[in-house]
Amino acid sequence: MGSGEMSLVHKCQPSPGGPDYIFFCPGCQCGHGVWITHPNDRTQAMWSFNRDMEKPTFSPSLRIDDGQGRICHMVVTDGMLNFCGDSTHEMAGKSVAMVDF
């Protein structure tokens, strides 16, 4: 992937300065970004990626806090979104397969 390119784990649009990968979250009903080549501007977080576009694994877990009391926390392993119990949406504690975005 070249500089400034973003890739959805299945499909995506370029987003200069944005996340390297983005995937759909059924709990939040939106995309979540993952930075693997440069830190996230807001949190300075970075993740490792197994480079498998069909069954991705990102490490460590992703925890998205919108600052308004809504939290989405998950572990992404082999293409499965494993939602942690501290997620504040209906997917908390559930595991679902990733879908095309």
PDB file of N, CA and C in Angstrom:
ATOM      1  N   MET A   1       0.830  -1.161   0.000  1.00  0.00           N
ATOM      2  CA  MET A   1       0.000   0.000   0.000  1.00  0.00           C
ATOM      3  C   MET A   1       0.881   1.233   0.000  1.00  0.00           C
ATOM      4  N   GLY A   2       0.590   2.159  -0.863  1.00  0.00           N
ATOM      5  CA  GLY A   2       1.380   3.366  -0.936  1.00  0.00           C
ATOM      6  C   GLY A   2       0.967   4.384   0.109  1.00  0.00           C
ATOM      7  N   SER A   3       1.775   5.398   0.256  1.00  0.00           N
ATOM      8  CA  SER A   3       1.495   6.452   1.223  1.00  0.00           C
ATOM      9  C   SER A   3       0.177   7.134   0.884  1.00  0.00           C
ATOM     10  N   GLY A   4      -0.644   7.351   1.889  1.00  0.00           N
ATOM     11  CA  GLY A   4      -1.899   8.046   1.685  1.00  0.00           C
ATOM     12  C   GLY A   4      -3.024   7.165   1.184  1.00  0.00           C
ATOM     13  N   GLU A   5      -2.792   5.856   0.998  1.00  0.00           N
ATOM     14  CA  GLU A   5      -3.840   4.965   0.547  1.00  0.00           C
ATOM     15  C   GLU A   5      -4.444   4.247   1.734  1.00  0.00           C
ATOM     16  N   MET A   6      -5.749   4.093   1.692  1.00  0.00           N
ATOM     17  CA  MET A   6      -6.447   3.358   2.733  1.00  0.00           C
ATOM     18  C   MET A   6      -7.073   2.141   2.082  1.00  0.00           C
ATOM     19  N   SER A   7      -7.216   1.068   2.796  1.00  0.00           N
ATOM     20  CA  SER A   7      -7.871  -0.097   2.241  1.00  0.00           C
ATOM     21  C   SER A   7      -8.874  -0.645   3.233  1.00  0.00           C
ATOM     22  N   LEU A   8     -10.082  -0.874   2.766  1.00  0.00           N
ATOM     23  CA  LEU A   8     -11.043  -1.607   3.567  1.00  0.00           C
ATOM     24  C   LEU A   8     -10.557  -3.029   3.583  1.00  0.00           C
ATOM     25  N   VAL A   9     -10.914  -3.728   4.584  1.00  0.00           N
ATOM     26  CA  VAL A   9     -10.459  -5.097   4.649  1.00  0.00           C
ATOM     27  C   VAL A   9     -11.010  -5.864   3.447  1.00  0.00           C
ATOM     28  N   HIS A  10     -12.070  -5.375   2.817  1.00  0.00           N
ATOM     29  CA  HIS A  10     -12.536  -5.947   1.555  1.00  0.00           C
ATOM     30  C   HIS A  10     -12.523  -4.902   0.430  1.00  0.00           C
ATOM     31  N   LYS A  11     -13.088  -3.714   0.695  1.00  0.00           N
ATOM     32  CA  LYS A  11     -13.136  -2.643  -0.307  1.00  0.00           C
ATOM     33  C   LYS A  11     -12.990  -1.300   0.394  1.00  0.00           C
ATOM     34  N   CYS A  12     -12.474  -0.298  -0.286  1.00  0.00           N
ATOM     35  CA  CYS A  12     -12.335   1.009   0.362  1.00  0.00           C
ATOM     36  C   CYS A  12     -12.120   2.125  -0.641  1.00  0.00           C
ATOM     37  N   GLN A  13     -12.041   3.322  -0.116  1.00  0.00           N
ATOM     38  CA  GLN A  13     -11.720   4.515  -0.894  1.00  0.00           C
ATOM     39  C   GLN A  13     -10.450   5.129  -0.310  1.00  0.00           C
ATOM     40  N   PRO A  14      -9.614   5.769  -1.138  1.00  0.00           N
ATOM     41  CA  PRO A  14      -8.430   6.443  -0.607  1.00  0.00           C
ATOM     42  C   PRO A  14      -8.821   7.522   0.398  1.00  0.00           C
ATOM     43  N   SER A  15      -7.991   7.698   1.400  1.00  0.00           N
ATOM     44  CA  SER A  15      -8.238   8.717   2.413  1.00  0.00           C
ATOM     45  C   SER A  15      -6.901   9.243   2.906  1.00  0.00           C
ATOM     46  N   PRO A  16      -6.302  10.204   2.189  1.00  0.00           N
ATOM     47  CA  PRO A  16      -4.998  10.715   2.598  1.00  0.00           C
ATOM     48  C   PRO A  16      -5.013  11.179   4.052  1.00  0.00           C
ATOM     49  N   GLY A  17      -4.034  10.704   4.800  1.00  0.00           N
ATOM     50  CA  GLY A  17      -3.911  11.071   6.194  1.00  0.00           C
ATOM     51  C   GLY A  17      -4.839  10.321   7.130  1.00  0.00           C
ATOM     52  N   GLY A  18      -5.676   9.447   6.589  1.00  0.00           N
ATOM     53  CA  GLY A  18      -6.626   8.698   7.406  1.00  0.00           C
ATOM     54  C   GLY A  18      -6.088   7.330   7.777  1.00  0.00           C
ATOM     55  N   PRO A  19      -6.985   6.455   8.204  1.00  0.00           N
ATOM     56  CA  PRO A  19      -6.558   5.118   8.600  1.00  0.00           C
ATOM     57  C   PRO A  19      -6.074   4.308   7.396  1.00  0.00           C
ATOM     58  N   ASP A  20      -5.249   3.302   7.676  1.00  0.00           N
ATOM     59  CA  ASP A  20      -4.773   2.420   6.611  1.00  0.00           C
ATOM     60  C   ASP A  20      -5.859   1.453   6.168  1.00  0.00           C
ATOM     61  N   TYR A  21      -6.673   0.996   7.104  1.00  0.00           N
ATOM     62  CA  TYR A  21      -7.751   0.059   6.816  1.00  0.00           C
ATOM     63  C   TYR A  21      -9.004   0.519   7.531  1.00  0.00           C
ATOM     64  N   ILE A  22     -10.144   0.206   6.929  1.00  0.00           N
ATOM     65  CA  ILE A  22     -11.418   0.525   7.556  1.00  0.00           C
ATOM     66  C   ILE A  22     -12.343  -0.661   7.333  1.00  0.00           C
ATOM     67  N   PHE A  23     -13.173  -0.947   8.322  1.00  0.00           N
ATOM     68  CA  PHE A  23     -14.113  -2.057   8.203  1.00  0.00           C
ATOM     69  C   PHE A  23     -15.438  -1.641   8.833  1.00  0.00           C
ATOM     70  N   PHE A  24     -16.505  -2.337   8.465  1.00  0.00           N
ATOM     71  CA  PHE A  24     -17.844  -2.021   8.954  1.00  0.00           C
ATOM     72  C   PHE A  24     -18.081  -2.654  10.316  1.00  0.00           C
ATOM     73  N   CYS A  25     -18.616  -1.870  11.237  1.00  0.00           N
ATOM     74  CA  CYS A  25     -18.975  -2.347  12.573  1.00  0.00           C
ATOM     75  C   CYS A  25     -20.499  -2.433  12.658  1.00  0.00           C
ATOM     76  N   PRO A  26     -21.055  -3.644  12.801  1.00  0.00           N
ATOM     77  CA  PRO A  26     -22.512  -3.764  12.897  1.00  0.00           C
ATOM     78  C   PRO A  26     -23.079  -3.221  14.211  1.00  0.00           C
ATOM     79  N   GLY A  27     -22.267  -3.094  15.227  1.00  0.00           N
ATOM     80  CA  GLY A  27     -22.730  -2.537  16.491  1.00  0.00           C
ATOM     81  C   GLY A  27     -22.928  -1.033  16.406  1.00  0.00           C
ATOM     82  N   CYS A  28     -22.013  -0.354  15.755  1.00  0.00           N
ATOM     83  CA  CYS A  28     -22.072   1.105  15.612  1.00  0.00           C
ATOM     84  C   CYS A  28     -22.740   1.536  14.312  1.00  0.00           C
ATOM     85  N   GLN A  29     -22.897   0.592  13.382  1.00  0.00           N
ATOM     86  CA  GLN A  29     -23.475   0.865  12.066  1.00  0.00           C
ATOM     87  C   GLN A  29     -22.656   1.899  11.299  1.00  0.00           C
ATOM     88  N   CYS A  30     -21.319   1.792  11.419  1.00  0.00           N
ATOM     89  CA  CYS A  30     -20.423   2.688  10.688  1.00  0.00           C
ATOM     90  C   CYS A  30     -19.062   2.010  10.556  1.00  0.00           C
ATOM     91  N   GLY A  31     -18.149   2.687   9.906  1.00  0.00           N
ATOM     92  CA  GLY A  31     -16.806   2.160   9.742  1.00  0.00           C
ATOM     93  C   GLY A  31     -15.900   2.510  10.906  1.00  0.00           C
ATOM     94  N   HIS A  32     -14.952   1.611  11.187  1.00  0.00           N
ATOM     95  CA  HIS A  32     -13.907   1.872  12.175  1.00  0.00           C
ATOM     96  C   HIS A  32     -12.568   1.765  11.462  1.00  0.00           C
ATOM     97  N   GLY A  33     -11.688   2.711  11.727  1.00  0.00           N
ATOM     98  CA  GLY A  33     -10.384   2.746  11.089  1.00  0.00           C
ATOM     99  C   GLY A  33      -9.311   2.093  11.943  1.00  0.00           C
ATOM    100  N   VAL A  34      -8.307   1.548  11.238  1.00  0.00           N
ATOM    101  CA  VAL A  34      -7.163   0.919  11.893  1.00  0.00           C
ATOM    102  C   VAL A  34      -5.897   1.463  11.252  1.00  0.00           C
ATOM    103  N   TRP A  35      -4.975   1.926  12.065  1.00  0.00           N
ATOM    104  CA  TRP A  35      -3.714   2.487  11.609  1.00  0.00           C
ATOM    105  C   TRP A  35      -2.611   1.457  11.830  1.00  0.00           C
ATOM    106  N   ILE A  36      -1.893   1.083  10.757  1.00  0.00           N
ATOM    107  CA  ILE A  36      -0.794   0.121  10.916  1.00  0.00           C
ATOM    108  C   ILE A  36       0.550   0.687  10.463  1.00  0.00           C
ATOM    109  N   THR A  37       0.533   1.771   9.672  1.00  0.00           N
ATOM    110  CA  THR A  37       1.796   2.332   9.170  1.00  0.00           C
ATOM    111  C   THR A  37       2.162   3.654   9.821  1.00  0.00           C
ATOM    112  N   HIS A  38       1.208   4.287  10.475  1.00  0.00           N
ATOM    113  CA  HIS A  38       1.440   5.557  11.158  1.00  0.00           C
ATOM    114  C   HIS A  38       0.422   5.686  12.289  1.00  0.00           C
ATOM    115  N   PRO A  39       0.740   6.440  13.344  1.00  0.00           N
ATOM    116  CA  PRO A  39      -0.175   6.548  14.484  1.00  0.00           C
ATOM    117  C   PRO A  39      -1.442   7.331  14.163  1.00  0.00           C
ATOM    118  N   ASN A  40      -2.506   6.943  14.824  1.00  0.00           N
ATOM    119  CA  ASN A  40      -3.763   7.673  14.801  1.00  0.00           C
ATOM    120  C   ASN A  40      -3.475   9.064  15.366  1.00  0.00           C
ATOM    121  N   ASP A  41      -3.938  10.107  14.691  1.00  0.00           N
ATOM    122  CA  ASP A  41      -3.663  11.481  15.133  1.00  0.00           C
ATOM    123  C   ASP A  41      -4.190  11.781  16.530  1.00  0.00           C
ATOM    124  N   ARG A  42      -5.360  11.256  16.864  1.00  0.00           N
ATOM    125  CA  ARG A  42      -5.996  11.591  18.145  1.00  0.00           C
ATOM    126  C   ARG A  42      -5.397  10.811  19.307  1.00  0.00           C
ATOM    127  N   THR A  43      -5.193   9.497  19.138  1.00  0.00           N
ATOM    128  CA  THR A  43      -4.756   8.657  20.265  1.00  0.00           C
ATOM    129  C   THR A  43      -3.322   8.157  20.139  1.00  0.00           C
ATOM    130  N   GLN A  44      -2.720   8.357  18.976  1.00  0.00           N
ATOM    131  CA  GLN A  44      -1.372   7.855  18.684  1.00  0.00           C
ATOM    132  C   GLN A  44      -1.304   6.323  18.653  1.00  0.00           C
ATOM    133  N   ALA A  45      -2.456   5.653  18.544  1.00  0.00           N
ATOM    134  CA  ALA A  45      -2.510   4.188  18.533  1.00  0.00           C
ATOM    135  C   ALA A  45      -2.115   3.631  17.167  1.00  0.00           C
ATOM    136  N   MET A  46      -1.522   2.451  17.193  1.00  0.00           N
ATOM    137  CA  MET A  46      -1.199   1.682  15.986  1.00  0.00           C
ATOM    138  C   MET A  46      -1.484   0.212  16.290  1.00  0.00           C
ATOM    139  N   TRP A  47      -1.775  -0.548  15.224  1.00  0.00           N
ATOM    140  CA  TRP A  47      -2.083  -1.964  15.361  1.00  0.00           C
ATOM    141  C   TRP A  47      -1.214  -2.791  14.422  1.00  0.00           C
ATOM    142  N   SER A  48      -1.071  -4.070  14.752  1.00  0.00           N
ATOM    143  CA  SER A  48      -0.444  -5.007  13.813  1.00  0.00           C
ATOM    144  C   SER A  48      -1.569  -5.633  12.993  1.00  0.00           C
ATOM    145  N   PHE A  49      -1.220  -6.170  11.827  1.00  0.00           N
ATOM    146  CA  PHE A  49      -2.204  -6.725  10.891  1.00  0.00           C
ATOM    147  C   PHE A  49      -1.582  -7.936  10.226  1.00  0.00           C
ATOM    148  N   ASN A  50      -2.346  -9.019  10.118  1.00  0.00           N
ATOM    149  CA  ASN A  50      -1.832 -10.250   9.508  1.00  0.00           C
ATOM    150  C   ASN A  50      -1.822 -10.206   7.986  1.00  0.00           C
ATOM    151  N   ARG A  51      -2.289  -9.116   7.385  1.00  0.00           N
ATOM    152  CA  ARG A  51      -2.307  -8.889   5.925  1.00  0.00           C
ATOM    153  C   ARG A  51      -3.246  -9.831   5.169  1.00  0.00           C
ATOM    154  N   ASP A  52      -4.164 -10.476   5.859  1.00  0.00           N
ATOM    155  CA  ASP A  52      -5.151 -11.344   5.216  1.00  0.00           C
ATOM    156  C   ASP A  52      -6.422 -10.529   5.012  1.00  0.00           C
ATOM    157  N   MET A  53      -6.719 -10.172   3.769  1.00  0.00           N
ATOM    158  CA  MET A  53      -7.849  -9.300   3.474  1.00  0.00           C
ATOM    159  C   MET A  53      -9.196 -10.003   3.639  1.00  0.00           C
ATOM    160  N   GLU A  54      -9.225 -11.319   3.657  1.00  0.00           N
ATOM    161  CA  GLU A  54     -10.473 -12.053   3.829  1.00  0.00           C
ATOM    162  C   GLU A  54     -10.723 -12.454   5.277  1.00  0.00           C
ATOM    163  N   LYS A  55      -9.659 -12.738   6.017  1.00  0.00           N
ATOM    164  CA  LYS A  55      -9.780 -13.120   7.426  1.00  0.00           C
ATOM    165  C   LYS A  55      -8.770 -12.325   8.246  1.00  0.00           C
ATOM    166  N   PRO A  56      -8.991 -11.008   8.332  1.00  0.00           N
ATOM    167  CA  PRO A  56      -8.013 -10.153   9.010  1.00  0.00           C
ATOM    168  C   PRO A  56      -7.961 -10.371  10.523  1.00  0.00           C
ATOM    169  N   THR A  57      -6.764 -10.153  11.045  1.00  0.00           N
ATOM    170  CA  THR A  57      -6.538 -10.103  12.485  1.00  0.00           C
ATOM    171  C   THR A  57      -5.794  -8.808  12.768  1.00  0.00           C
ATOM    172  N   PHE A  58      -6.331  -8.011  13.681  1.00  0.00           N
ATOM    173  CA  PHE A  58      -5.670  -6.794  14.135  1.00  0.00           C
ATOM    174  C   PHE A  58      -5.348  -6.972  15.619  1.00  0.00           C
ATOM    175  N   SER A  59      -4.218  -6.458  16.023  1.00  0.00           N
ATOM    176  CA  SER A  59      -3.834  -6.572  17.424  1.00  0.00           C
ATOM    177  C   SER A  59      -3.155  -5.283  17.851  1.00  0.00           C
ATOM    178  N   PRO A  60      -3.408  -4.771  19.040  1.00  0.00           N
ATOM    179  CA  PRO A  60      -4.288  -5.304  20.075  1.00  0.00           C
ATOM    180  C   PRO A  60      -5.753  -5.026  19.755  1.00  0.00           C
ATOM    181  N   SER A  61      -6.619  -5.141  20.765  1.00  0.00           N
ATOM    182  CA  SER A  61      -8.050  -4.887  20.569  1.00  0.00           C
ATOM    183  C   SER A  61      -8.266  -3.432  20.149  1.00  0.00           C
ATOM    184  N   LEU A  62      -9.425  -3.171  19.569  1.00  0.00           N
ATOM    185  CA  LEU A  62      -9.823  -1.814  19.196  1.00  0.00           C
ATOM    186  C   LEU A  62     -10.886  -1.351  20.184  1.00  0.00           C
ATOM    187  N   ARG A  63     -10.684  -0.179  20.751  1.00  0.00           N
ATOM    188  CA  ARG A  63     -11.663   0.391  21.683  1.00  0.00           C
ATOM    189  C   ARG A  63     -11.956   1.811  21.224  1.00  0.00           C
ATOM    190  N   ILE A  64     -13.187   2.019  20.806  1.00  0.00           N
ATOM    191  CA  ILE A  64     -13.612   3.315  20.313  1.00  0.00           C
ATOM    192  C   ILE A  64     -14.535   3.933  21.359  1.00  0.00           C
ATOM    193  N   ASP A  65     -14.162   5.106  21.857  1.00  0.00           N
ATOM    194  CA  ASP A  65     -14.945   5.836  22.847  1.00  0.00           C
ATOM    195  C   ASP A  65     -15.309   7.169  22.211  1.00  0.00           C
ATOM    196  N   ASP A  66     -16.598   7.399  21.994  1.00  0.00           N
ATOM    197  CA  ASP A  66     -17.004   8.625  21.301  1.00  0.00           C
ATOM    198  C   ASP A  66     -17.018   9.857  22.209  1.00  0.00           C
ATOM    199  N   GLY A  67     -16.659   9.681  23.490  1.00  0.00           N
ATOM    200  CA  GLY A  67     -16.625  10.802  24.404  1.00  0.00           C
ATOM    201  C   GLY A  67     -17.988  11.190  24.952  1.00  0.00           C
ATOM    202  N   GLN A  68     -19.030  10.469  24.526  1.00  0.00           N
ATOM    203  CA  GLN A  68     -20.389  10.767  24.980  1.00  0.00           C
ATOM    204  C   GLN A  68     -21.005   9.549  25.670  1.00  0.00           C
ATOM    205  N   GLY A  69     -20.150   8.662  26.171  1.00  0.00           N
ATOM    206  CA  GLY A  69     -20.638   7.500  26.894  1.00  0.00           C
ATOM    207  C   GLY A  69     -20.846   6.258  26.054  1.00  0.00           C
ATOM    208  N   ARG A  70     -20.632   6.351  24.750  1.00  0.00           N
ATOM    209  CA  ARG A  70     -20.775   5.172  23.882  1.00  0.00           C
ATOM    210  C   ARG A  70     -19.392   4.584  23.632  1.00  0.00           C
ATOM    211  N   ILE A  71     -19.289   3.277  23.856  1.00  0.00           N
ATOM    212  CA  ILE A  71     -18.018   2.574  23.689  1.00  0.00           C
ATOM    213  C   ILE A  71     -18.231   1.365  22.792  1.00  0.00           C
ATOM    214  N   CYS A  72     -17.293   1.144  21.895  1.00  0.00           N
ATOM    215  CA  CYS A  72     -17.246  -0.061  21.082  1.00  0.00           C
ATOM    216  C   CYS A  72     -15.870  -0.665  21.305  1.00  0.00           C
ATOM    217  N   HIS A  73     -15.832  -1.872  21.830  1.00  0.00           N
ATOM    218  CA  HIS A  73     -14.570  -2.544  22.139  1.00  0.00           C
ATOM    219  C   HIS A  73     -14.631  -3.934  21.547  1.00  0.00           C
ATOM    220  N   MET A  74     -13.628  -4.284  20.755  1.00  0.00           N
ATOM    221  CA  MET A  74     -13.641  -5.584  20.082  1.00  0.00           C
ATOM    222  C   MET A  74     -12.236  -6.112  19.857  1.00  0.00           C
ATOM    223  N   VAL A  75     -12.184  -7.417  19.657  1.00  0.00           N
ATOM    224  CA  VAL A  75     -10.975  -8.109  19.239  1.00  0.00           C
ATOM    225  C   VAL A  75     -11.289  -8.642  17.844  1.00  0.00           C
ATOM    226  N   VAL A  76     -10.446  -8.318  16.863  1.00  0.00           N
ATOM    227  CA  VAL A  76     -10.652  -8.769  15.491  1.00  0.00           C
ATOM    228  C   VAL A  76      -9.664  -9.893  15.212  1.00  0.00           C
ATOM    229  N   THR A  77     -10.198 -11.112  15.047  1.00  0.00           N
ATOM    230  CA  THR A  77      -9.362 -12.293  14.847  1.00  0.00           C
ATOM    231  C   THR A  77      -9.930 -13.151  13.726  1.00  0.00           C
ATOM    232  N   ASP A  78      -9.108 -13.443  12.731  1.00  0.00           N
ATOM    233  CA  ASP A  78      -9.489 -14.318  11.614  1.00  0.00           C
ATOM    234  C   ASP A  78     -10.830 -13.932  10.989  1.00  0.00           C
ATOM    235  N   GLY A  79     -11.044 -12.626  10.801  1.00  0.00           N
ATOM    236  CA  GLY A  79     -12.257 -12.145  10.148  1.00  0.00           C
ATOM    237  C   GLY A  79     -13.481 -12.105  11.032  1.00  0.00           C
ATOM    238  N   MET A  80     -13.310 -12.343  12.312  1.00  0.00           N
ATOM    239  CA  MET A  80     -14.421 -12.297  13.268  1.00  0.00           C
ATOM    240  C   MET A  80     -14.296 -11.067  14.157  1.00  0.00           C
ATOM    241  N   LEU A  81     -15.416 -10.392  14.359  1.00  0.00           N
ATOM    242  CA  LEU A  81     -15.480  -9.270  15.292  1.00  0.00           C
ATOM    243  C   LEU A  81     -16.001  -9.837  16.606  1.00  0.00           C
ATOM    244  N   ASN A  82     -15.136  -9.879  17.595  1.00  0.00           N
ATOM    245  CA  ASN A  82     -15.479 -10.418  18.908  1.00  0.00           C
ATOM    246  C   ASN A  82     -15.656  -9.231  19.859  1.00  0.00           C
ATOM    247  N   PHE A  83     -16.913  -8.856  20.105  1.00  0.00           N
ATOM    248  CA  PHE A  83     -17.215  -7.663  20.894  1.00  0.00           C
ATOM    249  C   PHE A  83     -17.064  -7.954  22.381  1.00  0.00           C
ATOM    250  N   CYS A  84     -16.371  -7.077  23.050  1.00  0.00           N
ATOM    251  CA  CYS A  84     -16.141  -7.198  24.493  1.00  0.00           C
ATOM    252  C   CYS A  84     -17.378  -6.731  25.265  1.00  0.00           C
ATOM    253  N   GLY A  85     -17.474  -7.190  26.501  1.00  0.00           N
ATOM    254  CA  GLY A  85     -18.631  -6.885  27.331  1.00  0.00           C
ATOM    255  C   GLY A  85     -18.785  -5.434  27.714  1.00  0.00           C
ATOM    256  N   ASP A  86     -17.706  -4.632  27.578  1.00  0.00           N
ATOM    257  CA  ASP A  86     -17.827  -3.211  27.914  1.00  0.00           C
ATOM    258  C   ASP A  86     -18.343  -2.365  26.758  1.00  0.00           C
ATOM    259  N   SER A  87     -18.630  -2.991  25.607  1.00  0.00           N
ATOM    260  CA  SER A  87     -19.268  -2.254  24.507  1.00  0.00           C
ATOM    261  C   SER A  87     -20.657  -1.852  24.965  1.00  0.00           C
ATOM    262  N   THR A  88     -21.079  -0.656  24.580  1.00  0.00           N
ATOM    263  CA  THR A  88     -22.373  -0.160  25.054  1.00  0.00           C
ATOM    264  C   THR A  88     -23.493  -0.342  24.042  1.00  0.00           C
ATOM    265  N   HIS A  89     -23.258  -1.091  22.975  1.00  0.00           N
ATOM    266  CA  HIS A  89     -24.310  -1.363  21.995  1.00  0.00           C
ATOM    267  C   HIS A  89     -24.766  -2.823  22.107  1.00  0.00           C
ATOM    268  N   GLU A  90     -25.764  -3.174  21.306  1.00  0.00           N
ATOM    269  CA  GLU A  90     -26.388  -4.494  21.397  1.00  0.00           C
ATOM    270  C   GLU A  90     -25.480  -5.656  20.992  1.00  0.00           C
ATOM    271  N   MET A  91     -24.310  -5.374  20.443  1.00  0.00           N
ATOM    272  CA  MET A  91     -23.398  -6.448  20.034  1.00  0.00           C
ATOM    273  C   MET A  91     -22.459  -6.861  21.171  1.00  0.00           C
ATOM    274  N   ALA A  92     -22.513  -6.201  22.320  1.00  0.00           N
ATOM    275  CA  ALA A  92     -21.634  -6.529  23.451  1.00  0.00           C
ATOM    276  C   ALA A  92     -21.723  -8.017  23.769  1.00  0.00           C
ATOM    277  N   GLY A  93     -20.566  -8.661  23.863  1.00  0.00           N
ATOM    278  CA  GLY A  93     -20.501 -10.072  24.192  1.00  0.00           C
ATOM    279  C   GLY A  93     -20.745 -11.015  23.028  1.00  0.00           C
ATOM    280  N   LYS A  94     -21.004 -10.490  21.838  1.00  0.00           N
ATOM    281  CA  LYS A  94     -21.283 -11.328  20.673  1.00  0.00           C
ATOM    282  C   LYS A  94     -20.096 -11.370  19.724  1.00  0.00           C
ATOM    283  N   SER A  95     -20.083 -12.393  18.870  1.00  0.00           N
ATOM    284  CA  SER A  95     -19.071 -12.530  17.814  1.00  0.00           C
ATOM    285  C   SER A  95     -19.789 -12.667  16.485  1.00  0.00           C
ATOM    286  N   VAL A  96     -19.347 -11.893  15.485  1.00  0.00           N
ATOM    287  CA  VAL A  96     -19.928 -11.957  14.149  1.00  0.00           C
ATOM    288  C   VAL A  96     -18.827 -11.863  13.113  1.00  0.00           C
ATOM    289  N   ALA A  97     -19.072 -12.437  11.949  1.00  0.00           N
ATOM    290  CA  ALA A  97     -18.124 -12.360  10.847  1.00  0.00           C
ATOM    291  C   ALA A  97     -18.152 -10.976  10.229  1.00  0.00           C
ATOM    292  N   MET A  98     -16.971 -10.515   9.763  1.00  0.00           N
ATOM    293  CA  MET A  98     -16.908  -9.244   9.044  1.00  0.00           C
ATOM    294  C   MET A  98     -17.671  -9.363   7.727  1.00  0.00           C
ATOM    295  N   VAL A  99     -18.173  -8.237   7.257  1.00  0.00           N
ATOM    296  CA  VAL A  99     -18.894  -8.191   5.976  1.00  0.00           C
ATOM    297  C   VAL A  99     -18.228  -7.151   5.090  1.00  0.00           C
ATOM    298  N   ASP A 100     -18.491  -7.234   3.782  1.00  0.00           N
ATOM    299  CA  ASP A 100     -18.004  -6.206   2.870  1.00  0.00           C
ATOM    300  C   ASP A 100     -18.625  -4.876   3.267  1.00  0.00           C
ATOM    301  N   PHE A 101     -17.856  -3.822   3.123  1.00  0.00           N
ATOM    302  CA  PHE A 101     -18.284  -2.485   3.522  1.00  0.00           C
ATOM    303  C   PHE A 101     -18.655  -1.712   2.292  1.00  0.00           C
TER     304      PHE A 101
END
